[in-house]
């Protein structure tokens, strides 16, 4: 039974509708559901700009020592060096990911790995700070 061949699929219907309306900016292989109107693009950009602006204000009222990952990790490093027993008893290695999560998320709000000129995670300052802290922690544990 070849009756299914005669039933037009959605893609064919949309293509025919585009051809009749004169829309020539469709790229084959992309779903027409993924195509945004200029109004939708403008609304998305405005919404994105608002989110980015709000994200810059999140830590406005926080003391600089507590919103900079490097400074926070230095405080933990000092604690570990001065009071290793209490540092170990507090299970800091388990607490740090939850503590740093909000700070990292704010920094990643505008990160888009699909853009051509995106910054690699390994190049970001927060990543390097955590990496240095981890290296220092491993060195002190080996001692």
C-alpha atoms as a PDB file:
ATOM      1  CA  UNK A   1       0.000   0.000   0.000  1.00  0.00           C
ATOM      2  CA  UNK A   2       1.655   3.222  -1.205  1.00  0.00           C
ATOM      3  CA  UNK A   3      -1.116   5.588  -0.082  1.00  0.00           C
ATOM      4  CA  UNK A   4       1.244   7.169   2.482  1.00  0.00           C
ATOM      5  CA  UNK A   5       3.278   8.654  -0.364  1.00  0.00           C
ATOM      6  CA  UNK A   6       0.331  10.811  -1.421  1.00  0.00           C
ATOM      7  CA  UNK A   7      -0.273  12.315   2.005  1.00  0.00           C
ATOM      8  CA  UNK A   8       1.797  15.524   2.202  1.00  0.00           C
ATOM      9  CA  UNK A   9       3.906  15.817   5.306  1.00  0.00           C
ATOM     10  CA  UNK A  10       4.209  18.960   7.405  1.00  0.00           C
ATOM     11  CA  UNK A  11       7.555  19.908   5.884  1.00  0.00           C
ATOM     12  CA  UNK A  12       6.112  19.831   2.383  1.00  0.00           C
ATOM     13  CA  UNK A  13       3.116  21.909   3.465  1.00  0.00           C
ATOM     14  CA  UNK A  14       5.353  24.543   5.085  1.00  0.00           C
ATOM     15  CA  UNK A  15       7.644  24.638   2.036  1.00  0.00           C
ATOM     16  CA  UNK A  16       4.678  25.160  -0.275  1.00  0.00           C
ATOM     17  CA  UNK A  17       3.311  27.894   2.006  1.00  0.00           C
ATOM     18  CA  UNK A  18       6.714  29.656   1.978  1.00  0.00           C
ATOM     19  CA  UNK A  19       6.936  29.431  -1.801  1.00  0.00           C
ATOM     20  CA  UNK A  20       3.437  30.886  -2.217  1.00  0.00           C
ATOM     21  CA  UNK A  21       4.081  33.713   0.255  1.00  0.00           C
ATOM     22  CA  UNK A  22       7.432  34.559  -1.321  1.00  0.00           C
ATOM     23  CA  UNK A  23       9.532  33.910   1.792  1.00  0.00           C
ATOM     24  CA  UNK A  24      12.985  33.107   0.473  1.00  0.00           C
ATOM     25  CA  UNK A  25      15.105  33.260   3.609  1.00  0.00           C
ATOM     26  CA  UNK A  26      14.515  29.673   4.760  1.00  0.00           C
ATOM     27  CA  UNK A  27      17.596  27.460   5.009  1.00  0.00           C
ATOM     28  CA  UNK A  28      17.092  23.824   4.108  1.00  0.00           C
ATOM     29  CA  UNK A  29      17.738  21.492   7.017  1.00  0.00           C
ATOM     30  CA  UNK A  30      16.434  23.968   9.591  1.00  0.00           C
ATOM     31  CA  UNK A  31      13.003  23.556  11.043  1.00  0.00           C
ATOM     32  CA  UNK A  32      10.653  26.434  10.369  1.00  0.00           C
ATOM     33  CA  UNK A  33       9.733  26.105  14.037  1.00  0.00           C
ATOM     34  CA  UNK A  34      13.263  27.288  14.842  1.00  0.00           C
ATOM     35  CA  UNK A  35      12.994  30.388  12.665  1.00  0.00           C
ATOM     36  CA  UNK A  36      12.315  33.508  14.699  1.00  0.00           C
ATOM     37  CA  UNK A  37      10.559  36.608  13.499  1.00  0.00           C
ATOM     38  CA  UNK A  38      12.410  39.928  13.868  1.00  0.00           C
ATOM     39  CA  UNK A  39       9.999  40.831  16.676  1.00  0.00           C
ATOM     40  CA  UNK A  40      10.826  37.619  18.531  1.00  0.00           C
ATOM     41  CA  UNK A  41      14.555  38.245  18.046  1.00  0.00           C
ATOM     42  CA  UNK A  42      14.197  41.795  19.439  1.00  0.00           C
ATOM     43  CA  UNK A  43      12.163  40.552  22.417  1.00  0.00           C
ATOM     44  CA  UNK A  44      14.719  37.837  23.125  1.00  0.00           C
ATOM     45  CA  UNK A  45      17.604  40.333  22.940  1.00  0.00           C
ATOM     46  CA  UNK A  46      15.821  42.752  25.289  1.00  0.00           C
ATOM     47  CA  UNK A  47      15.072  39.938  27.726  1.00  0.00           C
ATOM     48  CA  UNK A  48      18.681  38.730  27.541  1.00  0.00           C
ATOM     49  CA  UNK A  49      19.992  42.270  28.131  1.00  0.00           C
ATOM     50  CA  UNK A  50      17.701  42.640  31.162  1.00  0.00           C
ATOM     51  CA  UNK A  51      18.937  39.356  32.641  1.00  0.00           C
ATOM     52  CA  UNK A  52      22.572  40.360  32.104  1.00  0.00           C
ATOM     53  CA  UNK A  53      21.957  43.783  33.661  1.00  0.00           C
ATOM     54  CA  UNK A  54      20.248  42.191  36.668  1.00  0.00           C
ATOM     55  CA  UNK A  55      23.092  39.702  37.050  1.00  0.00           C
ATOM     56  CA  UNK A  56      25.601  42.539  37.368  1.00  0.00           C
ATOM     57  CA  UNK A  57      23.653  43.888  40.340  1.00  0.00           C
ATOM     58  CA  UNK A  58      23.443  40.621  42.289  1.00  0.00           C
ATOM     59  CA  UNK A  59      26.618  41.116  44.313  1.00  0.00           C
ATOM     60  CA  UNK A  60      26.563  44.936  44.478  1.00  0.00           C
ATOM     61  CA  UNK A  61      26.066  44.995  48.243  1.00  0.00           C
ATOM     62  CA  UNK A  62      28.477  42.146  49.026  1.00  0.00           C
ATOM     63  CA  UNK A  63      31.918  42.857  50.454  1.00  0.00           C
ATOM     64  CA  UNK A  64      34.619  42.257  47.813  1.00  0.00           C
ATOM     65  CA  UNK A  65      36.224  39.502  49.893  1.00  0.00           C
ATOM     66  CA  UNK A  66      33.053  37.419  49.632  1.00  0.00           C
ATOM     67  CA  UNK A  67      32.132  37.744  45.960  1.00  0.00           C
ATOM     68  CA  UNK A  68      35.543  37.008  44.436  1.00  0.00           C
ATOM     69  CA  UNK A  69      36.240  33.287  44.106  1.00  0.00           C
ATOM     70  CA  UNK A  70      39.999  33.709  44.380  1.00  0.00           C
ATOM     71  CA  UNK A  71      39.677  35.671  47.645  1.00  0.00           C
ATOM     72  CA  UNK A  72      37.235  33.150  49.090  1.00  0.00           C
ATOM     73  CA  UNK A  73      39.550  30.269  48.260  1.00  0.00           C
ATOM     74  CA  UNK A  74      42.491  32.122  49.829  1.00  0.00           C
ATOM     75  CA  UNK A  75      40.532  32.373  53.082  1.00  0.00           C
ATOM     76  CA  UNK A  76      39.915  28.633  53.007  1.00  0.00           C
ATOM     77  CA  UNK A  77      43.573  28.005  52.224  1.00  0.00           C
ATOM     78  CA  UNK A  78      44.583  30.124  55.239  1.00  0.00           C
ATOM     79  CA  UNK A  79      42.116  28.220  57.418  1.00  0.00           C
ATOM     80  CA  UNK A  80      43.544  24.915  56.235  1.00  0.00           C
ATOM     81  CA  UNK A  81      47.122  26.010  56.942  1.00  0.00           C
ATOM     82  CA  UNK A  82      46.395  27.514  60.379  1.00  0.00           C
ATOM     83  CA  UNK A  83      43.802  25.049  61.684  1.00  0.00           C
ATOM     84  CA  UNK A  84      44.074  21.820  59.674  1.00  0.00           C
ATOM     85  CA  UNK A  85      42.081  19.735  62.159  1.00  0.00           C
ATOM     86  CA  UNK A  86      39.003  21.958  62.193  1.00  0.00           C
ATOM     87  CA  UNK A  87      39.274  22.389  58.405  1.00  0.00           C
ATOM     88  CA  UNK A  88      39.203  18.626  57.989  1.00  0.00           C
ATOM     89  CA  UNK A  89      36.398  18.199  60.538  1.00  0.00           C
ATOM     90  CA  UNK A  90      34.243  20.739  58.645  1.00  0.00           C
ATOM     91  CA  UNK A  91      34.410  18.694  55.393  1.00  0.00           C
ATOM     92  CA  UNK A  92      35.268  21.810  53.410  1.00  0.00           C
ATOM     93  CA  UNK A  93      36.018  19.911  50.208  1.00  0.00           C
ATOM     94  CA  UNK A  94      32.348  18.852  50.164  1.00  0.00           C
ATOM     95  CA  UNK A  95      31.082  22.362  50.958  1.00  0.00           C
ATOM     96  CA  UNK A  96      33.063  24.361  48.410  1.00  0.00           C
ATOM     97  CA  UNK A  97      31.074  23.351  45.308  1.00  0.00           C
ATOM     98  CA  UNK A  98      27.811  24.491  46.926  1.00  0.00           C
ATOM     99  CA  UNK A  99      29.440  27.650  48.214  1.00  0.00           C
ATOM    100  CA  UNK A 100      30.976  28.621  44.860  1.00  0.00           C
ATOM    101  CA  UNK A 101      28.029  27.532  42.704  1.00  0.00           C
ATOM    102  CA  UNK A 102      26.132  30.873  42.775  1.00  0.00           C
ATOM    103  CA  UNK A 103      29.290  32.845  42.030  1.00  0.00           C
ATOM    104  CA  UNK A 104      30.189  30.651  39.068  1.00  0.00           C
ATOM    105  CA  UNK A 105      26.631  30.627  37.702  1.00  0.00           C
ATOM    106  CA  UNK A 106      26.565  34.429  37.618  1.00  0.00           C
ATOM    107  CA  UNK A 107      29.798  34.452  35.646  1.00  0.00           C
ATOM    108  CA  UNK A 108      28.432  31.875  33.197  1.00  0.00           C
ATOM    109  CA  UNK A 109      25.165  33.679  32.459  1.00  0.00           C
ATOM    110  CA  UNK A 110      26.553  35.361  29.358  1.00  0.00           C
ATOM    111  CA  UNK A 111      28.827  32.471  28.326  1.00  0.00           C
ATOM    112  CA  UNK A 112      27.794  30.887  25.032  1.00  0.00           C
ATOM    113  CA  UNK A 113      29.998  28.067  23.730  1.00  0.00           C
ATOM    114  CA  UNK A 114      28.201  28.237  20.360  1.00  0.00           C
ATOM    115  CA  UNK A 115      29.547  31.700  19.558  1.00  0.00           C
ATOM    116  CA  UNK A 116      32.666  31.931  17.447  1.00  0.00           C
ATOM    117  CA  UNK A 117      34.715  33.959  19.920  1.00  0.00           C
ATOM    118  CA  UNK A 118      33.716  32.274  23.166  1.00  0.00           C
ATOM    119  CA  UNK A 119      36.071  31.909  26.107  1.00  0.00           C
ATOM    120  CA  UNK A 120      37.075  28.364  27.004  1.00  0.00           C
ATOM    121  CA  UNK A 121      36.113  27.344  30.539  1.00  0.00           C
ATOM    122  CA  UNK A 122      39.741  26.597  31.339  1.00  0.00           C
ATOM    123  CA  UNK A 123      40.650  30.217  30.520  1.00  0.00           C
ATOM    124  CA  UNK A 124      38.120  31.777  32.898  1.00  0.00           C
ATOM    125  CA  UNK A 125      39.493  33.331  36.065  1.00  0.00           C
ATOM    126  CA  UNK A 126      37.210  31.353  38.387  1.00  0.00           C
ATOM    127  CA  UNK A 127      38.317  28.088  36.788  1.00  0.00           C
ATOM    128  CA  UNK A 128      42.003  28.944  37.180  1.00  0.00           C
ATOM    129  CA  UNK A 129      41.438  29.983  40.801  1.00  0.00           C
ATOM    130  CA  UNK A 130      39.782  26.652  41.616  1.00  0.00           C
ATOM    131  CA  UNK A 131      42.492  24.788  39.743  1.00  0.00           C
ATOM    132  CA  UNK A 132      45.244  26.581  41.705  1.00  0.00           C
ATOM    133  CA  UNK A 133      43.417  25.904  44.972  1.00  0.00           C
ATOM    134  CA  UNK A 134      43.071  22.217  44.057  1.00  0.00           C
ATOM    135  CA  UNK A 135      46.744  21.994  43.155  1.00  0.00           C
ATOM    136  CA  UNK A 136      47.748  23.664  46.432  1.00  0.00           C
ATOM    137  CA  UNK A 137      45.436  21.301  48.328  1.00  0.00           C
ATOM    138  CA  UNK A 138      46.965  18.252  46.620  1.00  0.00           C
ATOM    139  CA  UNK A 139      50.499  19.449  47.376  1.00  0.00           C
ATOM    140  CA  UNK A 140      49.713  19.999  51.055  1.00  0.00           C
ATOM    141  CA  UNK A 141      48.019  16.592  51.309  1.00  0.00           C
ATOM    142  CA  UNK A 142      51.060  14.876  49.828  1.00  0.00           C
ATOM    143  CA  UNK A 143      53.224  16.456  52.522  1.00  0.00           C
END
